[in-house]
mmCIF file of all heavy atoms, coordinates in Angstrom:
data_MODEL
# 
_entry.id   MODEL 
# 
loop_
_atom_site.group_PDB 
_atom_site.id 
_atom_site.type_symbol 
_atom_site.label_atom_id 
_atom_site.label_alt_id 
_atom_site.label_comp_id 
_atom_site.label_asym_id 
_atom_site.label_entity_id 
_atom_site.label_seq_id 
_atom_site.pdbx_PDB_ins_code 
_atom_site.Cartn_x 
_atom_site.Cartn_y 
_atom_site.Cartn_z 
_atom_site.occupancy 
_atom_site.B_iso_or_equiv 
_atom_site.pdbx_formal_charge 
_atom_site.auth_seq_id 
_atom_site.auth_comp_id 
_atom_site.auth_asym_id 
_atom_site.auth_atom_id 
_atom_site.pdbx_PDB_model_num 
ATOM 1   N N   . PRO A 1 1  ? 0.832  -1.218 0.000  1.00 0.00 ? 1  PRO A N   1 
ATOM 2   C CA  . PRO A 1 1  ? 0.000  0.000  0.000  1.00 0.00 ? 1  PRO A CA  1 
ATOM 3   C C   . PRO A 1 1  ? 0.865  1.266  0.000  1.00 0.00 ? 1  PRO A C   1 
ATOM 4   O O   . PRO A 1 1  ? 1.967  1.284  0.545  1.00 0.00 ? 1  PRO A O   1 
ATOM 5   C CB  . PRO A 1 1  ? -0.796 -0.119 1.307  1.00 0.00 ? 1  PRO A CB  1 
ATOM 6   C CG  . PRO A 1 1  ? -0.743 -1.560 1.672  1.00 0.00 ? 1  PRO A CG  1 
ATOM 7   C CD  . PRO A 1 1  ? 0.561  -2.085 1.167  1.00 0.00 ? 1  PRO A CD  1 
ATOM 8   N N   . MET A 1 2  ? 0.342  2.317  -0.611 1.00 0.00 ? 2  MET A N   1 
ATOM 9   C CA  . MET A 1 2  ? 1.108  3.561  -0.707 1.00 0.00 ? 2  MET A CA  1 
ATOM 10  C C   . MET A 1 2  ? 1.442  4.136  0.670  1.00 0.00 ? 2  MET A C   1 
ATOM 11  O O   . MET A 1 2  ? 2.494  4.744  0.852  1.00 0.00 ? 2  MET A O   1 
ATOM 12  C CB  . MET A 1 2  ? 0.332  4.598  -1.521 1.00 0.00 ? 2  MET A CB  1 
ATOM 13  C CG  . MET A 1 2  ? 0.485  4.440  -3.025 1.00 0.00 ? 2  MET A CG  1 
ATOM 14  S SD  . MET A 1 2  ? 2.208  4.408  -3.604 1.00 0.00 ? 2  MET A SD  1 
ATOM 15  C CE  . MET A 1 2  ? 2.816  5.967  -2.945 1.00 0.00 ? 2  MET A CE  1 
ATOM 16  N N   . SER A 1 3  ? 0.563  3.970  1.634  1.00 0.00 ? 3  SER A N   1 
ATOM 17  C CA  . SER A 1 3  ? 0.853  4.484  2.973  1.00 0.00 ? 3  SER A CA  1 
ATOM 18  C C   . SER A 1 3  ? 2.112  3.845  3.533  1.00 0.00 ? 3  SER A C   1 
ATOM 19  O O   . SER A 1 3  ? 2.949  4.518  4.159  1.00 0.00 ? 3  SER A O   1 
ATOM 20  C CB  . SER A 1 3  ? -0.333 4.220  3.907  1.00 0.00 ? 3  SER A CB  1 
ATOM 21  O OG  . SER A 1 3  ? -0.625 2.826  3.979  1.00 0.00 ? 3  SER A OG  1 
ATOM 22  N N   . ALA A 1 4  ? 2.278  2.544  3.283  1.00 0.00 ? 4  ALA A N   1 
ATOM 23  C CA  . ALA A 1 4  ? 3.478  1.841  3.754  1.00 0.00 ? 4  ALA A CA  1 
ATOM 24  C C   . ALA A 1 4  ? 4.701  2.253  2.929  1.00 0.00 ? 4  ALA A C   1 
ATOM 25  O O   . ALA A 1 4  ? 5.803  2.403  3.475  1.00 0.00 ? 4  ALA A O   1 
ATOM 26  C CB  . ALA A 1 4  ? 3.263  0.334  3.673  1.00 0.00 ? 4  ALA A CB  1 
ATOM 27  N N   . ILE A 1 5  ? 4.520  2.429  1.619  1.00 0.00 ? 5  ILE A N   1 
ATOM 28  C CA  . ILE A 1 5  ? 5.620  2.884  0.756  1.00 0.00 ? 5  ILE A CA  1 
ATOM 29  C C   . ILE A 1 5  ? 6.180  4.201  1.279  1.00 0.00 ? 5  ILE A C   1 
ATOM 30  O O   . ILE A 1 5  ? 7.398  4.375  1.435  1.00 0.00 ? 5  ILE A O   1 
ATOM 31  C CB  . ILE A 1 5  ? 5.122  3.066  -0.692 1.00 0.00 ? 5  ILE A CB  1 
ATOM 32  C CG1 . ILE A 1 5  ? 4.719  1.729  -1.312 1.00 0.00 ? 5  ILE A CG1 1 
ATOM 33  C CG2 . ILE A 1 5  ? 6.174  3.793  -1.542 1.00 0.00 ? 5  ILE A CG2 1 
ATOM 34  C CD1 . ILE A 1 5  ? 5.838  0.878  -1.806 1.00 0.00 ? 5  ILE A CD1 1 
ATOM 35  N N   . ASN A 1 6  ? 5.305  5.158  1.550  1.00 0.00 ? 6  ASN A N   1 
ATOM 36  C CA  . ASN A 1 6  ? 5.747  6.468  2.023  1.00 0.00 ? 6  ASN A CA  1 
ATOM 37  C C   . ASN A 1 6  ? 6.437  6.359  3.375  1.00 0.00 ? 6  ASN A C   1 
ATOM 38  O O   . ASN A 1 6  ? 7.445  7.052  3.635  1.00 0.00 ? 6  ASN A O   1 
ATOM 39  C CB  . ASN A 1 6  ? 4.547  7.418  2.128  1.00 0.00 ? 6  ASN A CB  1 
ATOM 40  C CG  . ASN A 1 6  ? 3.985  7.778  0.763  1.00 0.00 ? 6  ASN A CG  1 
ATOM 41  O OD1 . ASN A 1 6  ? 4.703  7.810  -0.227 1.00 0.00 ? 6  ASN A OD1 1 
ATOM 42  N ND2 . ASN A 1 6  ? 2.684  8.027  0.701  1.00 0.00 ? 6  ASN A ND2 1 
ATOM 43  N N   . ARG A 1 7  ? 5.927  5.506  4.231  1.00 0.00 ? 7  ARG A N   1 
ATOM 44  C CA  . ARG A 1 7  ? 6.501  5.356  5.570  1.00 0.00 ? 7  ARG A CA  1 
ATOM 45  C C   . ARG A 1 7  ? 7.927  4.790  5.496  1.00 0.00 ? 7  ARG A C   1 
ATOM 46  O O   . ARG A 1 7  ? 8.839  5.278  6.168  1.00 0.00 ? 7  ARG A O   1 
ATOM 47  C CB  . ARG A 1 7  ? 5.608  4.450  6.413  1.00 0.00 ? 7  ARG A CB  1 
ATOM 48  C CG  . ARG A 1 7  ? 6.020  4.363  7.884  1.00 0.00 ? 7  ARG A CG  1 
ATOM 49  C CD  . ARG A 1 7  ? 4.922  3.737  8.717  1.00 0.00 ? 7  ARG A CD  1 
ATOM 50  N NE  . ARG A 1 7  ? 4.701  2.334  8.368  1.00 0.00 ? 7  ARG A NE  1 
ATOM 51  C CZ  . ARG A 1 7  ? 3.618  1.872  7.761  1.00 0.00 ? 7  ARG A CZ  1 
ATOM 52  N NH1 . ARG A 1 7  ? 2.643  2.696  7.409  1.00 0.00 ? 7  ARG A NH1 1 
ATOM 53  N NH2 . ARG A 1 7  ? 3.478  0.580  7.492  1.00 0.00 ? 7  ARG A NH2 1 
ATOM 54  N N   . VAL A 1 8  ? 8.120  3.771  4.665  1.00 0.00 ? 8  VAL A N   1 
ATOM 55  C CA  . VAL A 1 8  ? 9.444  3.160  4.545  1.00 0.00 ? 8  VAL A CA  1 
ATOM 56  C C   . VAL A 1 8  ? 10.421 4.111  3.861  1.00 0.00 ? 8  VAL A C   1 
ATOM 57  O O   . VAL A 1 8  ? 11.592 4.190  4.232  1.00 0.00 ? 8  VAL A O   1 
ATOM 58  C CB  . VAL A 1 8  ? 9.359  1.821  3.787  1.00 0.00 ? 8  VAL A CB  1 
ATOM 59  C CG1 . VAL A 1 8  ? 10.747 1.201  3.645  1.00 0.00 ? 8  VAL A CG1 1 
ATOM 60  C CG2 . VAL A 1 8  ? 8.441  0.852  4.517  1.00 0.00 ? 8  VAL A CG2 1 
ATOM 61  N N   . ASN A 1 9  ? 9.961  4.848  2.862  1.00 0.00 ? 9  ASN A N   1 
ATOM 62  C CA  . ASN A 1 9  ? 10.846 5.798  2.181  1.00 0.00 ? 9  ASN A CA  1 
ATOM 63  C C   . ASN A 1 9  ? 11.404 6.848  3.147  1.00 0.00 ? 9  ASN A C   1 
ATOM 64  O O   . ASN A 1 9  ? 12.552 7.283  3.016  1.00 0.00 ? 9  ASN A O   1 
ATOM 65  C CB  . ASN A 1 9  ? 10.109 6.492  1.037  1.00 0.00 ? 9  ASN A CB  1 
ATOM 66  C CG  . ASN A 1 9  ? 10.072 5.637  -0.224 1.00 0.00 ? 9  ASN A CG  1 
ATOM 67  O OD1 . ASN A 1 9  ? 10.843 4.682  -0.362 1.00 0.00 ? 9  ASN A OD1 1 
ATOM 68  N ND2 . ASN A 1 9  ? 9.181  5.960  -1.142 1.00 0.00 ? 9  ASN A ND2 1 
ATOM 69  N N   . LYS A 1 10 ? 10.583 7.260  4.109  1.00 0.00 ? 10 LYS A N   1 
ATOM 70  C CA  . LYS A 1 10 ? 11.051 8.254  5.083  1.00 0.00 ? 10 LYS A CA  1 
ATOM 71  C C   . LYS A 1 10 ? 12.168 7.705  5.957  1.00 0.00 ? 10 LYS A C   1 
ATOM 72  O O   . LYS A 1 10 ? 13.025 8.446  6.434  1.00 0.00 ? 10 LYS A O   1 
ATOM 73  C CB  . LYS A 1 10 ? 9.881  8.714  5.955  1.00 0.00 ? 10 LYS A CB  1 
ATOM 74  C CG  . LYS A 1 10 ? 8.885  9.597  5.224  1.00 0.00 ? 10 LYS A CG  1 
ATOM 75  C CD  . LYS A 1 10 ? 7.745  10.027 6.136  1.00 0.00 ? 10 LYS A CD  1 
ATOM 76  C CE  . LYS A 1 10 ? 6.744  10.905 5.395  1.00 0.00 ? 10 LYS A CE  1 
ATOM 77  N NZ  . LYS A 1 10 ? 5.591  11.296 6.260  1.00 0.00 ? 10 LYS A NZ  1 
ATOM 78  N N   . VAL A 1 11 ? 12.164 6.391  6.156  1.00 0.00 ? 11 VAL A N   1 
ATOM 79  C CA  . VAL A 1 11 ? 13.214 5.755  6.947  1.00 0.00 ? 11 VAL A CA  1 
ATOM 80  C C   . VAL A 1 11 ? 14.463 5.499  6.106  1.00 0.00 ? 11 VAL A C   1 
ATOM 81  O O   . VAL A 1 11 ? 15.589 5.762  6.533  1.00 0.00 ? 11 VAL A O   1 
ATOM 82  C CB  . VAL A 1 11 ? 12.704 4.427  7.552  1.00 0.00 ? 11 VAL A CB  1 
ATOM 83  C CG1 . VAL A 1 11 ? 13.835 3.658  8.221  1.00 0.00 ? 11 VAL A CG1 1 
ATOM 84  C CG2 . VAL A 1 11 ? 11.588 4.692  8.552  1.00 0.00 ? 11 VAL A CG2 1 
ATOM 85  N N   . LEU A 1 12 ? 14.264 4.992  4.887  1.00 0.00 ? 12 LEU A N   1 
ATOM 86  C CA  . LEU A 1 12 ? 15.403 4.593  4.064  1.00 0.00 ? 12 LEU A CA  1 
ATOM 87  C C   . LEU A 1 12 ? 16.105 5.771  3.400  1.00 0.00 ? 12 LEU A C   1 
ATOM 88  O O   . LEU A 1 12 ? 17.309 5.694  3.138  1.00 0.00 ? 12 LEU A O   1 
ATOM 89  C CB  . LEU A 1 12 ? 14.943 3.606  2.985  1.00 0.00 ? 12 LEU A CB  1 
ATOM 90  C CG  . LEU A 1 12 ? 14.418 2.254  3.476  1.00 0.00 ? 12 LEU A CG  1 
ATOM 91  C CD1 . LEU A 1 12 ? 14.110 1.351  2.285  1.00 0.00 ? 12 LEU A CD1 1 
ATOM 92  C CD2 . LEU A 1 12 ? 15.411 1.580  4.411  1.00 0.00 ? 12 LEU A CD2 1 
ATOM 93  N N   . GLY A 1 13 ? 15.382 6.850  3.116  1.00 0.00 ? 13 GLY A N   1 
ATOM 94  C CA  . GLY A 1 13 ? 16.005 7.998  2.453  1.00 0.00 ? 13 GLY A CA  1 
ATOM 95  C C   . GLY A 1 13 ? 17.234 8.513  3.179  1.00 0.00 ? 13 GLY A C   1 
ATOM 96  O O   . GLY A 1 13 ? 18.323 8.619  2.582  1.00 0.00 ? 13 GLY A O   1 
ATOM 97  N N   . PRO A 1 14 ? 17.131 8.833  4.479  1.00 0.00 ? 14 PRO A N   1 
ATOM 98  C CA  . PRO A 1 14 ? 18.316 9.293  5.210  1.00 0.00 ? 14 PRO A CA  1 
ATOM 99  C C   . PRO A 1 14 ? 19.434 8.253  5.278  1.00 0.00 ? 14 PRO A C   1 
ATOM 100 O O   . PRO A 1 14 ? 20.606 8.602  5.276  1.00 0.00 ? 14 PRO A O   1 
ATOM 101 C CB  . PRO A 1 14 ? 17.759 9.592  6.610  1.00 0.00 ? 14 PRO A CB  1 
ATOM 102 C CG  . PRO A 1 14 ? 16.311 9.884  6.385  1.00 0.00 ? 14 PRO A CG  1 
ATOM 103 C CD  . PRO A 1 14 ? 15.894 8.962  5.279  1.00 0.00 ? 14 PRO A CD  1 
ATOM 104 N N   . ARG A 1 15 ? 19.084 6.974  5.313  1.00 0.00 ? 15 ARG A N   1 
ATOM 105 C CA  . ARG A 1 15 ? 20.111 5.927  5.336  1.00 0.00 ? 15 ARG A CA  1 
ATOM 106 C C   . ARG A 1 15 ? 20.902 5.909  4.033  1.00 0.00 ? 15 ARG A C   1 
ATOM 107 O O   . ARG A 1 15 ? 22.109 5.691  4.029  1.00 0.00 ? 15 ARG A O   1 
ATOM 108 C CB  . ARG A 1 15 ? 19.468 4.554  5.584  1.00 0.00 ? 15 ARG A CB  1 
ATOM 109 C CG  . ARG A 1 15 ? 18.834 4.424  6.963  1.00 0.00 ? 15 ARG A CG  1 
ATOM 110 C CD  . ARG A 1 15 ? 18.288 3.034  7.196  1.00 0.00 ? 15 ARG A CD  1 
ATOM 111 N NE  . ARG A 1 15 ? 17.546 2.962  8.455  1.00 0.00 ? 15 ARG A NE  1 
ATOM 112 C CZ  . ARG A 1 15 ? 16.973 1.870  8.928  1.00 0.00 ? 15 ARG A CZ  1 
ATOM 113 N NH1 . ARG A 1 15 ? 17.066 0.732  8.245  1.00 0.00 ? 15 ARG A NH1 1 
ATOM 114 N NH2 . ARG A 1 15 ? 16.314 1.895  10.076 1.00 0.00 ? 15 ARG A NH2 1 
ATOM 115 N N   . PHE A 1 16 ? 20.185 6.133  2.928  1.00 0.00 ? 16 PHE A N   1 
ATOM 116 C CA  . PHE A 1 16 ? 20.858 6.200  1.630  1.00 0.00 ? 16 PHE A CA  1 
ATOM 117 C C   . PHE A 1 16 ? 21.847 7.357  1.598  1.00 0.00 ? 16 PHE A C   1 
ATOM 118 O O   . PHE A 1 16 ? 22.994 7.201  1.175  1.00 0.00 ? 16 PHE A O   1 
ATOM 119 C CB  . PHE A 1 16 ? 19.816 6.355  0.526  1.00 0.00 ? 16 PHE A CB  1 
ATOM 120 C CG  . PHE A 1 16 ? 20.365 6.886  -0.772 1.00 0.00 ? 16 PHE A CG  1 
ATOM 121 C CD1 . PHE A 1 16 ? 21.087 6.071  -1.618 1.00 0.00 ? 16 PHE A CD1 1 
ATOM 122 C CD2 . PHE A 1 16 ? 20.165 8.209  -1.124 1.00 0.00 ? 16 PHE A CD2 1 
ATOM 123 C CE1 . PHE A 1 16 ? 21.606 6.557  -2.802 1.00 0.00 ? 16 PHE A CE1 1 
ATOM 124 C CE2 . PHE A 1 16 ? 20.677 8.712  -2.309 1.00 0.00 ? 16 PHE A CE2 1 
ATOM 125 C CZ  . PHE A 1 16 ? 21.401 7.879  -3.151 1.00 0.00 ? 16 PHE A CZ  1 
ATOM 126 N N   . ILE A 1 17 ? 21.412 8.531  2.054  1.00 0.00 ? 17 ILE A N   1 
ATOM 127 C CA  . ILE A 1 17 ? 22.281 9.707  2.038  1.00 0.00 ? 17 ILE A CA  1 
ATOM 128 C C   . ILE A 1 17 ? 23.505 9.481  2.920  1.00 0.00 ? 17 ILE A C   1 
ATOM 129 O O   . ILE A 1 17 ? 24.632 9.832  2.557  1.00 0.00 ? 17 ILE A O   1 
ATOM 130 C CB  . ILE A 1 17 ? 21.510 10.955 2.522  1.00 0.00 ? 17 ILE A CB  1 
ATOM 131 C CG1 . ILE A 1 17 ? 20.360 11.273 1.560  1.00 0.00 ? 17 ILE A CG1 1 
ATOM 132 C CG2 . ILE A 1 17 ? 22.449 12.149 2.640  1.00 0.00 ? 17 ILE A CG2 1 
ATOM 133 C CD1 . ILE A 1 17 ? 20.792 11.560 0.144  1.00 0.00 ? 17 ILE A CD1 1 
ATOM 134 N N   . THR A 1 18 ? 23.318 8.866  4.081  1.00 0.00 ? 18 THR A N   1 
ATOM 135 C CA  . THR A 1 18 ? 24.437 8.590  4.977  1.00 0.00 ? 18 THR A CA  1 
ATOM 136 C C   . THR A 1 18 ? 25.433 7.636  4.325  1.00 0.00 ? 18 THR A C   1 
ATOM 137 O O   . THR A 1 18 ? 26.650 7.848  4.367  1.00 0.00 ? 18 THR A O   1 
ATOM 138 C CB  . THR A 1 18 ? 23.932 7.988  6.297  1.00 0.00 ? 18 THR A CB  1 
ATOM 139 O OG1 . THR A 1 18 ? 23.090 8.941  6.939  1.00 0.00 ? 18 THR A OG1 1 
ATOM 140 C CG2 . THR A 1 18 ? 25.102 7.644  7.211  1.00 0.00 ? 18 THR A CG2 1 
ATOM 141 N N   . LYS A 1 19 ? 24.912 6.582  3.686  1.00 0.00 ? 19 LYS A N   1 
ATOM 142 C CA  . LYS A 1 19 ? 25.799 5.606  3.050  1.00 0.00 ? 19 LYS A CA  1 
ATOM 143 C C   . LYS A 1 19 ? 26.633 6.245  1.950  1.00 0.00 ? 19 LYS A C   1 
ATOM 144 O O   . LYS A 1 19 ? 27.848 6.066  1.894  1.00 0.00 ? 19 LYS A O   1 
ATOM 145 C CB  . LYS A 1 19 ? 24.981 4.458  2.470  1.00 0.00 ? 19 LYS A CB  1 
ATOM 146 C CG  . LYS A 1 19 ? 25.829 3.436  1.701  1.00 0.00 ? 19 LYS A CG  1 
ATOM 147 C CD  . LYS A 1 19 ? 24.994 2.288  1.162  1.00 0.00 ? 19 LYS A CD  1 
ATOM 148 C CE  . LYS A 1 19 ? 25.859 1.304  0.390  1.00 0.00 ? 19 LYS A CE  1 
ATOM 149 N NZ  . LYS A 1 19 ? 25.082 0.151  -0.118 1.00 0.00 ? 19 LYS A NZ  1 
ATOM 150 N N   . TYR A 1 20 ? 25.998 7.023  1.093  1.00 0.00 ? 20 TYR A N   1 
ATOM 151 C CA  . TYR A 1 20 ? 26.721 7.578  -0.036 1.00 0.00 ? 20 TYR A CA  1 
ATOM 152 C C   . TYR A 1 20 ? 27.511 8.821  0.344  1.00 0.00 ? 20 TYR A C   1 
ATOM 153 O O   . TYR A 1 20 ? 28.494 9.158  -0.307 1.00 0.00 ? 20 TYR A O   1 
ATOM 154 C CB  . TYR A 1 20 ? 25.767 7.791  -1.218 1.00 0.00 ? 20 TYR A CB  1 
ATOM 155 C CG  . TYR A 1 20 ? 25.479 6.465  -1.869 1.00 0.00 ? 20 TYR A CG  1 
ATOM 156 C CD1 . TYR A 1 20 ? 24.483 5.639  -1.377 1.00 0.00 ? 20 TYR A CD1 1 
ATOM 157 C CD2 . TYR A 1 20 ? 26.269 5.994  -2.904 1.00 0.00 ? 20 TYR A CD2 1 
ATOM 158 C CE1 . TYR A 1 20 ? 24.258 4.384  -1.919 1.00 0.00 ? 20 TYR A CE1 1 
ATOM 159 C CE2 . TYR A 1 20 ? 26.058 4.743  -3.454 1.00 0.00 ? 20 TYR A CE2 1 
ATOM 160 C CZ  . TYR A 1 20 ? 25.055 3.948  -2.956 1.00 0.00 ? 20 TYR A CZ  1 
ATOM 161 O OH  . TYR A 1 20 ? 24.854 2.699  -3.476 1.00 0.00 ? 20 TYR A OH  1 
ATOM 162 N N   . GLY A 1 21 ? 27.112 9.500  1.412  1.00 0.00 ? 21 GLY A N   1 
ATOM 163 C CA  . GLY A 1 21 ? 27.962 10.558 1.950  1.00 0.00 ? 21 GLY A CA  1 
ATOM 164 C C   . GLY A 1 21 ? 29.251 9.996  2.497  1.00 0.00 ? 21 GLY A C   1 
ATOM 165 O O   . GLY A 1 21 ? 30.331 10.570 2.343  1.00 0.00 ? 21 GLY A O   1 
ATOM 166 N N   . THR A 1 22 ? 29.151 8.828  3.135  1.00 0.00 ? 22 THR A N   1 
ATOM 167 C CA  . THR A 1 22 ? 30.348 8.153  3.635  1.00 0.00 ? 22 THR A CA  1 
ATOM 168 C C   . THR A 1 22 ? 31.233 7.719  2.491  1.00 0.00 ? 22 THR A C   1 
ATOM 169 O O   . THR A 1 22 ? 32.460 7.840  2.545  1.00 0.00 ? 22 THR A O   1 
ATOM 170 C CB  . THR A 1 22 ? 29.945 6.921  4.474  1.00 0.00 ? 22 THR A CB  1 
ATOM 171 O OG1 . THR A 1 22 ? 29.142 7.352  5.568  1.00 0.00 ? 22 THR A OG1 1 
ATOM 172 C CG2 . THR A 1 22 ? 31.171 6.202  5.004  1.00 0.00 ? 22 THR A CG2 1 
ATOM 173 N N   . LYS A 1 23 ? 30.626 7.192  1.446  1.00 0.00 ? 23 LYS A N   1 
ATOM 174 C CA  . LYS A 1 23 ? 31.389 6.811  0.264  1.00 0.00 ? 23 LYS A CA  1 
ATOM 175 C C   . LYS A 1 23 ? 32.171 7.995  -0.279 1.00 0.00 ? 23 LYS A C   1 
ATOM 176 O O   . LYS A 1 23 ? 33.347 7.892  -0.617 1.00 0.00 ? 23 LYS A O   1 
ATOM 177 C CB  . LYS A 1 23 ? 30.452 6.276  -0.817 1.00 0.00 ? 23 LYS A CB  1 
ATOM 178 C CG  . LYS A 1 23 ? 31.145 5.922  -2.147 1.00 0.00 ? 23 LYS A CG  1 
ATOM 179 C CD  . LYS A 1 23 ? 30.119 5.455  -3.154 1.00 0.00 ? 23 LYS A CD  1 
ATOM 180 C CE  . LYS A 1 23 ? 30.789 4.986  -4.444 1.00 0.00 ? 23 LYS A CE  1 
ATOM 181 N NZ  . LYS A 1 23 ? 31.418 6.078  -5.190 1.00 0.00 ? 23 LYS A NZ  1 
ATOM 182 N N   . GLN A 1 24 ? 31.528 9.148  -0.299 1.00 0.00 ? 24 GLN A N   1 
ATOM 183 C CA  . GLN A 1 24 ? 32.202 10.349 -0.788 1.00 0.00 ? 24 GLN A CA  1 
ATOM 184 C C   . GLN A 1 24 ? 33.410 10.671 0.073  1.00 0.00 ? 24 GLN A C   1 
ATOM 185 O O   . GLN A 1 24 ? 34.477 11.005 -0.418 1.00 0.00 ? 24 GLN A O   1 
ATOM 186 C CB  . GLN A 1 24 ? 31.224 11.525 -0.803 1.00 0.00 ? 24 GLN A CB  1 
ATOM 187 C CG  . GLN A 1 24 ? 31.716 12.753 -1.535 1.00 0.00 ? 24 GLN A CG  1 
ATOM 188 C CD  . GLN A 1 24 ? 32.338 13.769 -0.590 1.00 0.00 ? 24 GLN A CD  1 
ATOM 189 O OE1 . GLN A 1 24 ? 32.256 13.631 0.616  1.00 0.00 ? 24 GLN A OE1 1 
ATOM 190 N NE2 . GLN A 1 24 ? 32.964 14.773 -1.153 1.00 0.00 ? 24 GLN A NE2 1 
ATOM 191 N N   . GLY A 1 25 ? 33.261 10.532 1.378  1.00 0.00 ? 25 GLY A N   1 
ATOM 192 C CA  . GLY A 1 25 ? 34.372 10.796 2.268  1.00 0.00 ? 25 GLY A CA  1 
ATOM 193 C C   . GLY A 1 25 ? 35.528 9.844  2.042  1.00 0.00 ? 25 GLY A C   1 
ATOM 194 O O   . GLY A 1 25 ? 36.696 10.237 2.024  1.00 0.00 ? 25 GLY A O   1 
ATOM 195 N N   . VAL A 1 26 ? 35.224 8.571  1.817  1.00 0.00 ? 26 VAL A N   1 
ATOM 196 C CA  . VAL A 1 26 ? 36.262 7.581  1.553  1.00 0.00 ? 26 VAL A CA  1 
ATOM 197 C C   . VAL A 1 26 ? 37.003 7.912  0.268  1.00 0.00 ? 26 VAL A C   1 
ATOM 198 O O   . VAL A 1 26 ? 38.229 7.844  0.186  1.00 0.00 ? 26 VAL A O   1 
ATOM 199 C CB  . VAL A 1 26 ? 35.649 6.165  1.470  1.00 0.00 ? 26 VAL A CB  1 
ATOM 200 C CG1 . VAL A 1 26 ? 36.682 5.155  0.971  1.00 0.00 ? 26 VAL A CG1 1 
ATOM 201 C CG2 . VAL A 1 26 ? 35.139 5.735  2.842  1.00 0.00 ? 26 VAL A CG2 1 
ATOM 202 N N   . LEU A 1 27 ? 36.256 8.303  -0.773 1.00 0.00 ? 27 LEU A N   1 
ATOM 203 C CA  . LEU A 1 27 ? 36.901 8.629  -2.033 1.00 0.00 ? 27 LEU A CA  1 
ATOM 204 C C   . LEU A 1 27 ? 37.765 9.874  -1.929 1.00 0.00 ? 27 LEU A C   1 
ATOM 205 O O   . LEU A 1 27 ? 38.812 9.974  -2.550 1.00 0.00 ? 27 LEU A O   1 
ATOM 206 C CB  . LEU A 1 27 ? 35.843 8.804  -3.131 1.00 0.00 ? 27 LEU A CB  1 
ATOM 207 C CG  . LEU A 1 27 ? 35.129 7.518  -3.556 1.00 0.00 ? 27 LEU A CG  1 
ATOM 208 C CD1 . LEU A 1 27 ? 34.073 7.828  -4.599 1.00 0.00 ? 27 LEU A CD1 1 
ATOM 209 C CD2 . LEU A 1 27 ? 36.119 6.503  -4.101 1.00 0.00 ? 27 LEU A CD2 1 
# 
């Protein structure tokens, strides 16, 4: 359901940014 999609995206979005921000730091 879209309600669940939106809820999970709010959790995973910041995790994605943290992961790839860290990658940037490593590079």
